[in-house]
Each structure stands twice: as C-alpha cells, then as structure tokens.
C-alpha cells in the first residue's frame, strides 16, 4: 500500500532566510502493509441524519449542542461523512485493514456483535486520603464550562441525546469491525493484530479526534511513548468553528496545519482509497509495515491550506 502523505516543513530550504515565508509543505509516499494497518473512527454520531430529531421534544437545537457544531458545520460534517469517510471505511474493510470505532459506551452497547472490552479490568485507583485540589474544584470547573459554552440545561439534554444516539447510516459497523469505548481494548486489538500504523478519521478535530480513547494523542508515537505511526485523513474530519472562522472553516485548517507541523502526516480519502485499491496494495507492500518511508521527498512553498486537497 503506497500512501501519499503531507507534512509541514518549519524551516527554509538551503540558502533561504529563516522566515515563515520560506516554510512550506513536504509530500512523500509511505509504504505500508494493510495487514498491519488499522483505520480508527472517532465519534461518528447520527445527530441531524434523520427526518425527525432523535429526541423529538428536544428538537434540532440540542442535536447541534451535543455535537458542538452549528448548522453550517453540521452540514459539512455530514457531507464529509457521506462523500469522503464512508468510501474510505468501505475500502479499508475490503482491503483487510483492522477497523475500530471508538465511541460512547451507550452506542457500543447497541452493537453487541461488534463490541469489545478490555480482557482485564484495570486495578481500581486508590484515592489519596486528602486529595488536592479538592474534587469540588473540578466539579465547579466542568459545570461552569458546560453552562458558559453550551447554556443552562445542557448536561440534562445531553444525557437524553446519549441514550438516543447511534452511528450515521452510511458508516454503521459491519461484521468484523470493532466498537470500543476503552483505550485498553484498542491496545489489545492492535497488539493481537500486530498493527503498527493507524489511520484516523472522525469528529471533532481539536477535541475528541485528538483526545478520546483511540484518538491521535492516545495513539501517536509523537505523543505516546511506544506509540504508533499515525496518519489523519484531513478531508474526513471537521473542527468546531466560530462566527469568525465558519466562512472558510479556519479552525479546521489551522488544526490540520498544527498536526502536519507537529509530526502527524495527513492524506486524503481519495488517496487512501486509491492506495488500497491499487494492484500493488497486497503484493509489494507486504512486510514493509516497519519501514519509515520510501520514495522521494518533494518540498514546495506554501499553498492555501485546505482539508480537501
């Protein structure tokens, strides 16, 4: 499997001044073995996918609130899921990649045939006799965050949304997929399958895609000692946008840049599907899962960053 990836070069080419205007993108090709590669989806939810709201008396308002996206970003997340993420997921299955869906426990329980828990429960944490800071501090901070960012009554509405939520229709788990909500379960699956590379898709960039169980910062060797090679499909995610950034999805672009500059390569769904369906996928890539990267490096000056490139 020969997958083109993009990263960001934070230094000038030879002879140029050390100025941001001289930085740019670097493109290269990774050779990966599908048998040692996993596709991990994070928080694929069906808010906004049905003719009627999931919880009728709550309406669409609380669906937007629960996913943390306004009307325009929600529409973009749906487009991304239908046009980019779903084809990538199907291609991964057909090529024999390990497919793991990291999501809420409420959703995992709705898919018992795909559910996977850690084989051994972690030892219960022992609390200090006099914890510091007192638990009341974190409770107050979380309450203030929820009420300030999402409004009074959010947590009560969200609990009802959790019970109603499921996967969107185009990306429902298939036989052989895993549904998990624990990092330990993901680690066990990847060890069993001898996976060395993970490819990430899902929502929200800058939130759950980074920090949920199975998220980028839970898996990547950049953040985790003994971690994995990690690749993000940059057109298979959306970030939370503001009134100042929604016009051009500026936060999404900024976090993709941040990933590429911080050591996480990105690719696109089209390149991923093409790499998996190429005749080379299951022949020449075999045994190369542990190679760093092959092929020539191509450095170029910055172009306007776009998640759809």
C-alpha atoms as a PDB file:
ATOM      1  CA  UNK A   1       0.000   0.000   0.000  1.00  0.00           C
ATOM      2  CA  UNK A   2       1.668   3.221  -1.207  1.00  0.00           C
ATOM      3  CA  UNK A   3       0.010   6.167   0.537  1.00  0.00           C
ATOM      4  CA  UNK A   4       0.911   9.786  -0.345  1.00  0.00           C
ATOM      5  CA  UNK A   5       1.096  11.957   2.775  1.00  0.00           C
ATOM      6  CA  UNK A   6       1.695  15.622   3.510  1.00  0.00           C
ATOM      7  CA  UNK A   7       3.518  17.306   6.375  1.00  0.00           C
ATOM      8  CA  UNK A   8       4.696  20.855   7.037  1.00  0.00           C
ATOM      9  CA  UNK A   9       8.299  21.987   6.856  1.00  0.00           C
ATOM     10  CA  UNK A  10       9.079  24.588   9.535  1.00  0.00           C
ATOM     11  CA  UNK A  11      12.492  25.522   8.173  1.00  0.00           C
ATOM     12  CA  UNK A  12      13.748  27.211   4.972  1.00  0.00           C
ATOM     13  CA  UNK A  13      15.335  25.426   2.063  1.00  0.00           C
ATOM     14  CA  UNK A  14      19.073  25.840   1.591  1.00  0.00           C
ATOM     15  CA  UNK A  15      20.113  29.442   1.003  1.00  0.00           C
ATOM     16  CA  UNK A  16      16.797  30.993   2.051  1.00  0.00           C
ATOM     17  CA  UNK A  17      16.157  33.202   5.064  1.00  0.00           C
ATOM     18  CA  UNK A  18      14.754  31.614   8.203  1.00  0.00           C
ATOM     19  CA  UNK A  19      11.384  33.289   7.728  1.00  0.00           C
ATOM     20  CA  UNK A  20       7.848  31.881   7.670  1.00  0.00           C
ATOM     21  CA  UNK A  21       7.540  32.912   4.035  1.00  0.00           C
ATOM     22  CA  UNK A  22      10.178  30.281   3.245  1.00  0.00           C
ATOM     23  CA  UNK A  23       8.401  27.413   5.025  1.00  0.00           C
ATOM     24  CA  UNK A  24       6.219  25.001   3.062  1.00  0.00           C
ATOM     25  CA  UNK A  25       4.658  21.604   2.601  1.00  0.00           C
ATOM     26  CA  UNK A  26       6.560  18.359   2.150  1.00  0.00           C
ATOM     27  CA  UNK A  27       4.953  15.453   0.331  1.00  0.00           C
ATOM     28  CA  UNK A  28       6.199  11.883   0.415  1.00  0.00           C
ATOM     29  CA  UNK A  29       4.916   8.340  -0.027  1.00  0.00           C
ATOM     30  CA  UNK A  30       4.688   5.781   2.765  1.00  0.00           C
ATOM     31  CA  UNK A  31       4.764   2.072   2.011  1.00  0.00           C
ATOM     32  CA  UNK A  32       2.515   0.265   4.471  1.00  0.00           C
ATOM     33  CA  UNK A  33       1.235  -3.263   4.881  1.00  0.00           C
ATOM     34  CA  UNK A  34      -2.586  -3.354   5.103  1.00  0.00           C
ATOM     35  CA  UNK A  35      -2.321  -6.376   7.401  1.00  0.00           C
ATOM     36  CA  UNK A  36      -0.513  -4.203   9.947  1.00  0.00           C
ATOM     37  CA  UNK A  37      -2.647  -1.078   9.495  1.00  0.00           C
ATOM     38  CA  UNK A  38      -5.852  -0.062  11.273  1.00  0.00           C
ATOM     39  CA  UNK A  39      -8.499   2.528  10.475  1.00  0.00           C
ATOM     40  CA  UNK A  40      -9.818   4.143  13.665  1.00  0.00           C
ATOM     41  CA  UNK A  41     -13.001   6.195  13.560  1.00  0.00           C
ATOM     42  CA  UNK A  42     -13.834   8.508  16.457  1.00  0.00           C
ATOM     43  CA  UNK A  43     -17.318   9.676  17.469  1.00  0.00           C
ATOM     44  CA  UNK A  44     -19.408   9.053  14.361  1.00  0.00           C
ATOM     45  CA  UNK A  45     -22.888  10.063  15.542  1.00  0.00           C
ATOM     46  CA  UNK A  46     -26.259  10.363  13.793  1.00  0.00           C
ATOM     47  CA  UNK A  47     -27.422  13.744  15.057  1.00  0.00           C
ATOM     48  CA  UNK A  48     -29.013  15.557  12.105  1.00  0.00           C
ATOM     49  CA  UNK A  49     -29.201  12.483   9.879  1.00  0.00           C
ATOM     50  CA  UNK A  50     -32.904  11.683  10.215  1.00  0.00           C
ATOM     51  CA  UNK A  51     -36.092  13.409   9.095  1.00  0.00           C
ATOM     52  CA  UNK A  52     -37.174  13.821  12.714  1.00  0.00           C
ATOM     53  CA  UNK A  53     -34.950  14.823  15.641  1.00  0.00           C
ATOM     54  CA  UNK A  54     -33.537  11.907  17.627  1.00  0.00           C
ATOM     55  CA  UNK A  55     -35.355  13.188  20.706  1.00  0.00           C
ATOM     56  CA  UNK A  56     -38.439  14.919  19.256  1.00  0.00           C
ATOM     57  CA  UNK A  57     -39.253  17.137  22.229  1.00  0.00           C
ATOM     58  CA  UNK A  58     -35.660  18.407  22.329  1.00  0.00           C
ATOM     59  CA  UNK A  59     -35.601  19.259  18.632  1.00  0.00           C
ATOM     60  CA  UNK A  60     -32.602  20.042  16.446  1.00  0.00           C
ATOM     61  CA  UNK A  61     -31.265  22.642  18.885  1.00  0.00           C
ATOM     62  CA  UNK A  62     -29.877  20.075  21.296  1.00  0.00           C
ATOM     63  CA  UNK A  63     -28.528  17.890  18.479  1.00  0.00           C
ATOM     64  CA  UNK A  64     -26.343  20.828  17.421  1.00  0.00           C
ATOM     65  CA  UNK A  65     -25.427  21.439  21.058  1.00  0.00           C
ATOM     66  CA  UNK A  66     -24.461  17.821  21.692  1.00  0.00           C
ATOM     67  CA  UNK A  67     -22.077  17.559  18.741  1.00  0.00           C
ATOM     68  CA  UNK A  68     -20.751  21.075  19.357  1.00  0.00           C
ATOM     69  CA  UNK A  69     -21.388  22.282  15.813  1.00  0.00           C
ATOM     70  CA  UNK A  70     -23.632  24.965  14.383  1.00  0.00           C
ATOM     71  CA  UNK A  71     -25.876  24.481  11.367  1.00  0.00           C
ATOM     72  CA  UNK A  72     -23.205  25.065   8.717  1.00  0.00           C
ATOM     73  CA  UNK A  73     -20.503  22.928  10.352  1.00  0.00           C
ATOM     74  CA  UNK A  74     -23.049  20.139  10.923  1.00  0.00           C
ATOM     75  CA  UNK A  75     -23.902  20.186   7.224  1.00  0.00           C
ATOM     76  CA  UNK A  76     -20.198  19.999   6.372  1.00  0.00           C
ATOM     77  CA  UNK A  77     -19.679  17.081   8.771  1.00  0.00           C
ATOM     78  CA  UNK A  78     -22.499  15.202   7.048  1.00  0.00           C
ATOM     79  CA  UNK A  79     -21.052  15.917   3.596  1.00  0.00           C
ATOM     80  CA  UNK A  80     -17.597  14.786   4.753  1.00  0.00           C
ATOM     81  CA  UNK A  81     -19.075  11.572   6.166  1.00  0.00           C
ATOM     82  CA  UNK A  82     -21.061  10.704   3.045  1.00  0.00           C
ATOM     83  CA  UNK A  83     -18.571  11.730   0.358  1.00  0.00           C
ATOM     84  CA  UNK A  84     -15.197  11.002   1.967  1.00  0.00           C
ATOM     85  CA  UNK A  85     -15.370   8.984   5.155  1.00  0.00           C
ATOM     86  CA  UNK A  86     -17.821   6.283   4.059  1.00  0.00           C
ATOM     87  CA  UNK A  87     -15.836   5.345   0.900  1.00  0.00           C
ATOM     88  CA  UNK A  88     -12.596   5.261   2.928  1.00  0.00           C
ATOM     89  CA  UNK A  89     -14.207   2.993   5.503  1.00  0.00           C
ATOM     90  CA  UNK A  90     -15.519   0.606   2.856  1.00  0.00           C
ATOM     91  CA  UNK A  91     -12.160   0.463   1.088  1.00  0.00           C
ATOM     92  CA  UNK A  92     -10.410  -0.288   4.383  1.00  0.00           C
ATOM     93  CA  UNK A  93     -12.732  -3.217   5.042  1.00  0.00           C
ATOM     94  CA  UNK A  94     -12.304  -4.642   1.558  1.00  0.00           C
ATOM     95  CA  UNK A  95      -8.508  -4.376   1.819  1.00  0.00           C
ATOM     96  CA  UNK A  96      -8.456  -6.257   5.133  1.00  0.00           C
ATOM     97  CA  UNK A  97      -7.474  -3.418   7.460  1.00  0.00           C
ATOM     98  CA  UNK A  98      -8.468  -3.672  11.110  1.00  0.00           C
ATOM     99  CA  UNK A  99     -11.429  -1.304  11.628  1.00  0.00           C
ATOM    100  CA  UNK A 100     -12.099   0.121  15.094  1.00  0.00           C
ATOM    101  CA  UNK A 101     -14.893   2.526  16.020  1.00  0.00           C
ATOM    102  CA  UNK A 102     -14.184   4.489  19.210  1.00  0.00           C
ATOM    103  CA  UNK A 103     -17.444   5.897  20.521  1.00  0.00           C
ATOM    104  CA  UNK A 104     -19.687   6.345  23.558  1.00  0.00           C
ATOM    105  CA  UNK A 105     -20.497   3.319  25.765  1.00  0.00           C
ATOM    106  CA  UNK A 106     -24.193   3.944  25.041  1.00  0.00           C
ATOM    107  CA  UNK A 107     -23.556   3.301  21.331  1.00  0.00           C
ATOM    108  CA  UNK A 108     -21.202   0.363  21.892  1.00  0.00           C
ATOM    109  CA  UNK A 109     -23.991  -1.404  23.802  1.00  0.00           C
ATOM    110  CA  UNK A 110     -26.264  -1.102  20.751  1.00  0.00           C
ATOM    111  CA  UNK A 111     -23.817  -3.179  18.697  1.00  0.00           C
ATOM    112  CA  UNK A 112     -23.071  -6.265  20.808  1.00  0.00           C
ATOM    113  CA  UNK A 113     -21.781  -8.260  17.838  1.00  0.00           C
ATOM    114  CA  UNK A 114     -19.029  -5.678  17.349  1.00  0.00           C
ATOM    115  CA  UNK A 115     -18.445  -4.687  20.967  1.00  0.00           C
ATOM    116  CA  UNK A 116     -15.054  -5.290  22.527  1.00  0.00           C
ATOM    117  CA  UNK A 117     -13.963  -4.622  26.099  1.00  0.00           C
ATOM    118  CA  UNK A 118     -10.559  -4.979  27.679  1.00  0.00           C
ATOM    119  CA  UNK A 119      -9.956  -8.548  28.825  1.00  0.00           C
ATOM    120  CA  UNK A 120      -8.612  -7.423  32.183  1.00  0.00           C
ATOM    121  CA  UNK A 121     -10.116  -4.594  34.172  1.00  0.00           C
ATOM    122  CA  UNK A 122      -7.563  -2.084  35.455  1.00  0.00           C
ATOM    123  CA  UNK A 123      -6.928  -2.079  39.152  1.00  0.00           C
ATOM    124  CA  UNK A 124      -9.161   0.428  40.935  1.00  0.00           C
ATOM    125  CA  UNK A 125      -7.439   3.716  41.557  1.00  0.00           C
ATOM    126  CA  UNK A 126      -6.677   4.395  45.169  1.00  0.00           C
ATOM    127  CA  UNK A 127      -7.623   7.906  46.185  1.00  0.00           C
ATOM    128  CA  UNK A 128      -5.354   9.935  48.409  1.00  0.00           C
ATOM    129  CA  UNK A 129      -6.655  10.414  51.942  1.00  0.00           C
ATOM    130  CA  UNK A 130      -6.611  14.165  51.416  1.00  0.00           C
ATOM    131  CA  UNK A 131      -6.889  14.771  47.624  1.00  0.00           C
ATOM    132  CA  UNK A 132      -5.644  18.058  46.279  1.00  0.00           C
ATOM    133  CA  UNK A 133      -7.112  20.074  44.754  1.00  0.00           C
ATOM    134  CA  UNK A 134     -10.435  19.162  46.356  1.00  0.00           C
ATOM    135  CA  UNK A 135     -12.926  17.404  43.994  1.00  0.00           C
ATOM    136  CA  UNK A 136     -15.226  20.413  44.289  1.00  0.00           C
ATOM    137  CA  UNK A 137     -12.793  22.399  42.149  1.00  0.00           C
ATOM    138  CA  UNK A 138     -13.050  20.122  39.107  1.00  0.00           C
ATOM    139  CA  UNK A 139     -16.806  19.774  39.554  1.00  0.00           C
ATOM    140  CA  UNK A 140     -17.188  23.553  39.536  1.00  0.00           C
ATOM    141  CA  UNK A 141     -14.909  23.995  36.510  1.00  0.00           C
ATOM    142  CA  UNK A 142     -16.810  21.406  34.461  1.00  0.00           C
ATOM    143  CA  UNK A 143     -20.177  22.890  35.431  1.00  0.00           C
ATOM    144  CA  UNK A 144     -19.006  26.386  34.513  1.00  0.00           C
ATOM    145  CA  UNK A 145     -17.626  25.151  31.183  1.00  0.00           C
ATOM    146  CA  UNK A 146     -20.867  23.421  30.211  1.00  0.00           C
ATOM    147  CA  UNK A 147     -23.149  26.269  31.220  1.00  0.00           C
ATOM    148  CA  UNK A 148     -20.950  29.016  29.750  1.00  0.00           C
ATOM    149  CA  UNK A 149     -20.183  27.307  26.445  1.00  0.00           C
ATOM    150  CA  UNK A 150     -23.453  25.453  25.799  1.00  0.00           C
ATOM    151  CA  UNK A 151     -26.035  27.079  28.048  1.00  0.00           C
ATOM    152  CA  UNK A 152     -28.124  26.108  31.078  1.00  0.00           C
ATOM    153  CA  UNK A 153     -29.676  22.648  30.918  1.00  0.00           C
ATOM    154  CA  UNK A 154     -27.086  21.259  28.503  1.00  0.00           C
ATOM    155  CA  UNK A 155     -25.958  18.293  30.579  1.00  0.00           C
ATOM    156  CA  UNK A 156     -29.521  17.056  31.202  1.00  0.00           C
ATOM    157  CA  UNK A 157     -30.332  17.318  27.489  1.00  0.00           C
ATOM    158  CA  UNK A 158     -27.070  15.646  26.534  1.00  0.00           C
ATOM    159  CA  UNK A 159     -27.805  12.623  28.691  1.00  0.00           C
ATOM    160  CA  UNK A 160     -31.003  12.047  26.710  1.00  0.00           C
ATOM    161  CA  UNK A 161     -29.062  12.513  23.469  1.00  0.00           C
ATOM    162  CA  UNK A 162     -26.518   9.891  24.557  1.00  0.00           C
ATOM    163  CA  UNK A 163     -29.271   7.341  25.032  1.00  0.00           C
ATOM    164  CA  UNK A 164     -30.760   8.047  21.588  1.00  0.00           C
ATOM    165  CA  UNK A 165     -27.552   8.337  19.551  1.00  0.00           C
ATOM    166  CA  UNK A 166     -26.162   5.770  17.108  1.00  0.00           C
ATOM    167  CA  UNK A 167     -23.889   5.700  14.052  1.00  0.00           C
ATOM    168  CA  UNK A 168     -24.949   7.566  10.890  1.00  0.00           C
ATOM    169  CA  UNK A 169     -26.497   5.189   8.312  1.00  0.00           C
ATOM    170  CA  UNK A 170     -23.572   5.266   5.802  1.00  0.00           C
ATOM    171  CA  UNK A 171     -20.985   4.239   8.427  1.00  0.00           C
ATOM    172  CA  UNK A 172     -22.801   1.662  10.536  1.00  0.00           C
ATOM    173  CA  UNK A 173     -20.445  -1.017  11.924  1.00  0.00           C
ATOM    174  CA  UNK A 174     -20.086  -4.036   9.647  1.00  0.00           C
ATOM    175  CA  UNK A 175     -19.272  -7.630  10.582  1.00  0.00           C
ATOM    176  CA  UNK A 176     -15.621  -7.763  11.610  1.00  0.00           C
ATOM    177  CA  UNK A 177     -15.483  -4.143  12.814  1.00  0.00           C
ATOM    178  CA  UNK A 178     -14.810  -3.449  16.489  1.00  0.00           C
ATOM    179  CA  UNK A 179     -16.813  -0.997  18.618  1.00  0.00           C
ATOM    180  CA  UNK A 180     -14.996   0.180  21.731  1.00  0.00           C
ATOM    181  CA  UNK A 181     -15.042   2.869  24.382  1.00  0.00           C
ATOM    182  CA  UNK A 182     -11.840   1.973  26.280  1.00  0.00           C
ATOM    183  CA  UNK A 183      -8.223   2.663  25.403  1.00  0.00           C
ATOM    184  CA  UNK A 184      -7.187  -0.686  26.879  1.00  0.00           C
ATOM    185  CA  UNK A 185      -9.485  -2.540  24.474  1.00  0.00           C
ATOM    186  CA  UNK A 186      -7.997  -0.695  21.492  1.00  0.00           C
ATOM    187  CA  UNK A 187      -4.464  -1.517  22.648  1.00  0.00           C
ATOM    188  CA  UNK A 188      -5.372  -5.199  22.984  1.00  0.00           C
ATOM    189  CA  UNK A 189      -6.859  -5.372  19.485  1.00  0.00           C
ATOM    190  CA  UNK A 190      -3.842  -3.701  17.895  1.00  0.00           C
ATOM    191  CA  UNK A 191      -1.422  -5.973  19.747  1.00  0.00           C
ATOM    192  CA  UNK A 192      -3.377  -9.071  18.658  1.00  0.00           C
ATOM    193  CA  UNK A 193      -3.393  -7.876  15.050  1.00  0.00           C
ATOM    194  CA  UNK A 194       0.255  -6.720  15.180  1.00  0.00           C
ATOM    195  CA  UNK A 195      -0.778  -3.280  13.945  1.00  0.00           C
ATOM    196  CA  UNK A 196       1.957  -0.656  13.661  1.00  0.00           C
ATOM    197  CA  UNK A 197       0.157   2.090  11.710  1.00  0.00           C
ATOM    198  CA  UNK A 198      -3.186   3.741  12.482  1.00  0.00           C
ATOM    199  CA  UNK A 199      -5.220   5.981  10.195  1.00  0.00           C
ATOM    200  CA  UNK A 200      -7.645   8.376  11.889  1.00  0.00           C
ATOM    201  CA  UNK A 201     -10.990   9.786  10.758  1.00  0.00           C
ATOM    202  CA  UNK A 202     -13.900  11.286  12.674  1.00  0.00           C
ATOM    203  CA  UNK A 203     -15.008  14.165  14.848  1.00  0.00           C
ATOM    204  CA  UNK A 204     -14.352  16.651  16.242  1.00  0.00           C
ATOM    205  CA  UNK A 205     -10.899  17.664  15.138  1.00  0.00           C
ATOM    206  CA  UNK A 206      -9.241  19.540  18.037  1.00  0.00           C
ATOM    207  CA  UNK A 207     -11.462  17.734  20.546  1.00  0.00           C
ATOM    208  CA  UNK A 208     -12.448  14.052  20.554  1.00  0.00           C
ATOM    209  CA  UNK A 209     -10.436  13.028  17.483  1.00  0.00           C
ATOM    210  CA  UNK A 210      -7.345  14.053  19.420  1.00  0.00           C
ATOM    211  CA  UNK A 211      -8.131  13.037  22.996  1.00  0.00           C
ATOM    212  CA  UNK A 212     -10.792  10.321  23.165  1.00  0.00           C
ATOM    213  CA  UNK A 213      -9.738   6.676  23.672  1.00  0.00           C
ATOM    214  CA  UNK A 214      -8.151   5.706  20.378  1.00  0.00           C
ATOM    215  CA  UNK A 215      -7.622   9.358  19.434  1.00  0.00           C
ATOM    216  CA  UNK A 216      -4.467  10.771  17.891  1.00  0.00           C
ATOM    217  CA  UNK A 217      -2.805  11.806  21.150  1.00  0.00           C
ATOM    218  CA  UNK A 218      -3.671   8.436  22.683  1.00  0.00           C
ATOM    219  CA  UNK A 219      -2.021   6.522  19.815  1.00  0.00           C
ATOM    220  CA  UNK A 220       0.678   8.504  18.008  1.00  0.00           C
ATOM    221  CA  UNK A 221       4.360   7.979  18.758  1.00  0.00           C
ATOM    222  CA  UNK A 222       4.621  11.776  18.723  1.00  0.00           C
ATOM    223  CA  UNK A 223       2.650  11.968  21.990  1.00  0.00           C
ATOM    224  CA  UNK A 224       2.780   8.459  23.408  1.00  0.00           C
ATOM    225  CA  UNK A 225       5.892   6.569  24.385  1.00  0.00           C
ATOM    226  CA  UNK A 226       5.882   3.357  22.406  1.00  0.00           C
ATOM    227  CA  UNK A 227       3.144   4.682  20.145  1.00  0.00           C
ATOM    228  CA  UNK A 228       2.157   4.051  16.549  1.00  0.00           C
ATOM    229  CA  UNK A 229       2.743   5.650  13.185  1.00  0.00           C
ATOM    230  CA  UNK A 230      -0.339   7.853  12.869  1.00  0.00           C
ATOM    231  CA  UNK A 231      -1.937   9.363   9.765  1.00  0.00           C
ATOM    232  CA  UNK A 232      -5.026  11.599   9.654  1.00  0.00           C
ATOM    233  CA  UNK A 233      -7.269  11.793   6.587  1.00  0.00           C
ATOM    234  CA  UNK A 234      -7.651  15.550   6.532  1.00  0.00           C
ATOM    235  CA  UNK A 235     -10.855  15.570   4.476  1.00  0.00           C
ATOM    236  CA  UNK A 236     -12.569  13.144   6.879  1.00  0.00           C
ATOM    237  CA  UNK A 237     -12.930  15.491   9.846  1.00  0.00           C
ATOM    238  CA  UNK A 238     -14.270  18.896  10.883  1.00  0.00           C
ATOM    239  CA  UNK A 239     -13.376  21.124  13.822  1.00  0.00           C
ATOM    240  CA  UNK A 240     -15.630  23.273  15.977  1.00  0.00           C
ATOM    241  CA  UNK A 241     -15.858  26.645  14.239  1.00  0.00           C
ATOM    242  CA  UNK A 242     -16.706  30.133  15.493  1.00  0.00           C
ATOM    243  CA  UNK A 243     -18.589  33.063  13.987  1.00  0.00           C
ATOM    244  CA  UNK A 244     -15.185  34.376  12.897  1.00  0.00           C
ATOM    245  CA  UNK A 245     -13.976  31.167  11.190  1.00  0.00           C
ATOM    246  CA  UNK A 246     -17.020  29.356   9.792  1.00  0.00           C
ATOM    247  CA  UNK A 247     -16.893  31.082   6.389  1.00  0.00           C
ATOM    248  CA  UNK A 248     -13.732  29.222   5.379  1.00  0.00           C
ATOM    249  CA  UNK A 249     -13.505  26.597   8.155  1.00  0.00           C
ATOM    250  CA  UNK A 250     -10.481  28.354   9.555  1.00  0.00           C
ATOM    251  CA  UNK A 251     -10.196  26.289  12.747  1.00  0.00           C
ATOM    252  CA  UNK A 252     -10.286  23.047  10.754  1.00  0.00           C
ATOM    253  CA  UNK A 253      -7.483  24.311   8.519  1.00  0.00           C
ATOM    254  CA  UNK A 254      -5.475  25.581  11.482  1.00  0.00           C
ATOM    255  CA  UNK A 255      -5.578  22.266  13.318  1.00  0.00           C
ATOM    256  CA  UNK A 256      -4.663  20.331  10.191  1.00  0.00           C
ATOM    257  CA  UNK A 257      -1.622  22.609   9.878  1.00  0.00           C
ATOM    258  CA  UNK A 258      -0.851  22.037  13.564  1.00  0.00           C
ATOM    259  CA  UNK A 259      -0.935  18.259  13.105  1.00  0.00           C
ATOM    260  CA  UNK A 260       1.252  18.379   9.991  1.00  0.00           C
ATOM    261  CA  UNK A 261       3.784  20.697  11.666  1.00  0.00           C
ATOM    262  CA  UNK A 262       3.783  18.631  14.870  1.00  0.00           C
ATOM    263  CA  UNK A 263       4.730  15.353  13.210  1.00  0.00           C
ATOM    264  CA  UNK A 264       1.439  13.772  12.123  1.00  0.00           C
ATOM    265  CA  UNK A 265       1.217  13.237   8.350  1.00  0.00           C
ATOM    266  CA  UNK A 266      -2.122  13.744   6.632  1.00  0.00           C
ATOM    267  CA  UNK A 267      -3.607  12.314   3.480  1.00  0.00           C
ATOM    268  CA  UNK A 268      -6.994  12.429   1.756  1.00  0.00           C
ATOM    269  CA  UNK A 269      -9.778   9.915   1.388  1.00  0.00           C
ATOM    270  CA  UNK A 270      -9.214   9.757  -2.375  1.00  0.00           C
ATOM    271  CA  UNK A 271      -5.513   8.999  -1.947  1.00  0.00           C
ATOM    272  CA  UNK A 272      -6.309   6.434   0.757  1.00  0.00           C
ATOM    273  CA  UNK A 273      -8.869   4.622  -1.394  1.00  0.00           C
ATOM    274  CA  UNK A 274      -6.569   4.672  -4.421  1.00  0.00           C
ATOM    275  CA  UNK A 275      -3.674   3.285  -2.357  1.00  0.00           C
ATOM    276  CA  UNK A 276      -5.856   0.450  -1.067  1.00  0.00           C
ATOM    277  CA  UNK A 277      -7.294  -0.458  -4.470  1.00  0.00           C
ATOM    278  CA  UNK A 278      -4.007  -0.311  -6.361  1.00  0.00           C
ATOM    279  CA  UNK A 279      -2.735  -3.691  -7.614  1.00  0.00           C
ATOM    280  CA  UNK A 280       0.412  -3.056  -5.526  1.00  0.00           C
ATOM    281  CA  UNK A 281      -1.532  -2.998  -2.263  1.00  0.00           C
ATOM    282  CA  UNK A 282      -1.349  -6.667  -1.340  1.00  0.00           C
ATOM    283  CA  UNK A 283       1.871  -7.594  -3.096  1.00  0.00           C
ATOM    284  CA  UNK A 284       4.748  -5.140  -2.933  1.00  0.00           C
ATOM    285  CA  UNK A 285       3.771  -3.636   0.429  1.00  0.00           C
ATOM    286  CA  UNK A 286       3.883  -6.919   2.308  1.00  0.00           C
ATOM    287  CA  UNK A 287       6.486  -6.928   5.056  1.00  0.00           C
ATOM    288  CA  UNK A 288       7.128  -3.192   4.933  1.00  0.00           C
ATOM    289  CA  UNK A 289       4.988  -2.070   7.857  1.00  0.00           C
ATOM    290  CA  UNK A 290       8.065  -1.181   9.899  1.00  0.00           C
ATOM    291  CA  UNK A 291       9.862   0.824   7.213  1.00  0.00           C
ATOM    292  CA  UNK A 292       9.914   4.577   7.843  1.00  0.00           C
ATOM    293  CA  UNK A 293       9.140   5.968   4.410  1.00  0.00           C
ATOM    294  CA  UNK A 294      10.367   5.353   0.912  1.00  0.00           C
ATOM    295  CA  UNK A 295      10.232   7.337  -2.263  1.00  0.00           C
ATOM    296  CA  UNK A 296      11.397  10.856  -2.992  1.00  0.00           C
ATOM    297  CA  UNK A 297      10.688  13.919  -0.889  1.00  0.00           C
ATOM    298  CA  UNK A 298       9.146  16.899  -2.636  1.00  0.00           C
ATOM    299  CA  UNK A 299       9.271  20.229  -0.864  1.00  0.00           C
ATOM    300  CA  UNK A 300       7.273  23.174  -2.104  1.00  0.00           C
ATOM    301  CA  UNK A 301       6.252  26.620  -0.980  1.00  0.00           C
ATOM    302  CA  UNK A 302       3.016  27.062   0.967  1.00  0.00           C
ATOM    303  CA  UNK A 303      -0.270  26.926  -0.883  1.00  0.00           C
ATOM    304  CA  UNK A 304      -3.531  27.959   0.732  1.00  0.00           C
ATOM    305  CA  UNK A 305      -4.127  25.034   3.137  1.00  0.00           C
ATOM    306  CA  UNK A 306      -7.331  23.156   2.509  1.00  0.00           C
ATOM    307  CA  UNK A 307      -8.626  19.980   4.148  1.00  0.00           C
ATOM    308  CA  UNK A 308      -9.923  18.883   0.744  1.00  0.00           C
ATOM    309  CA  UNK A 309      -6.547  18.946  -1.009  1.00  0.00           C
END
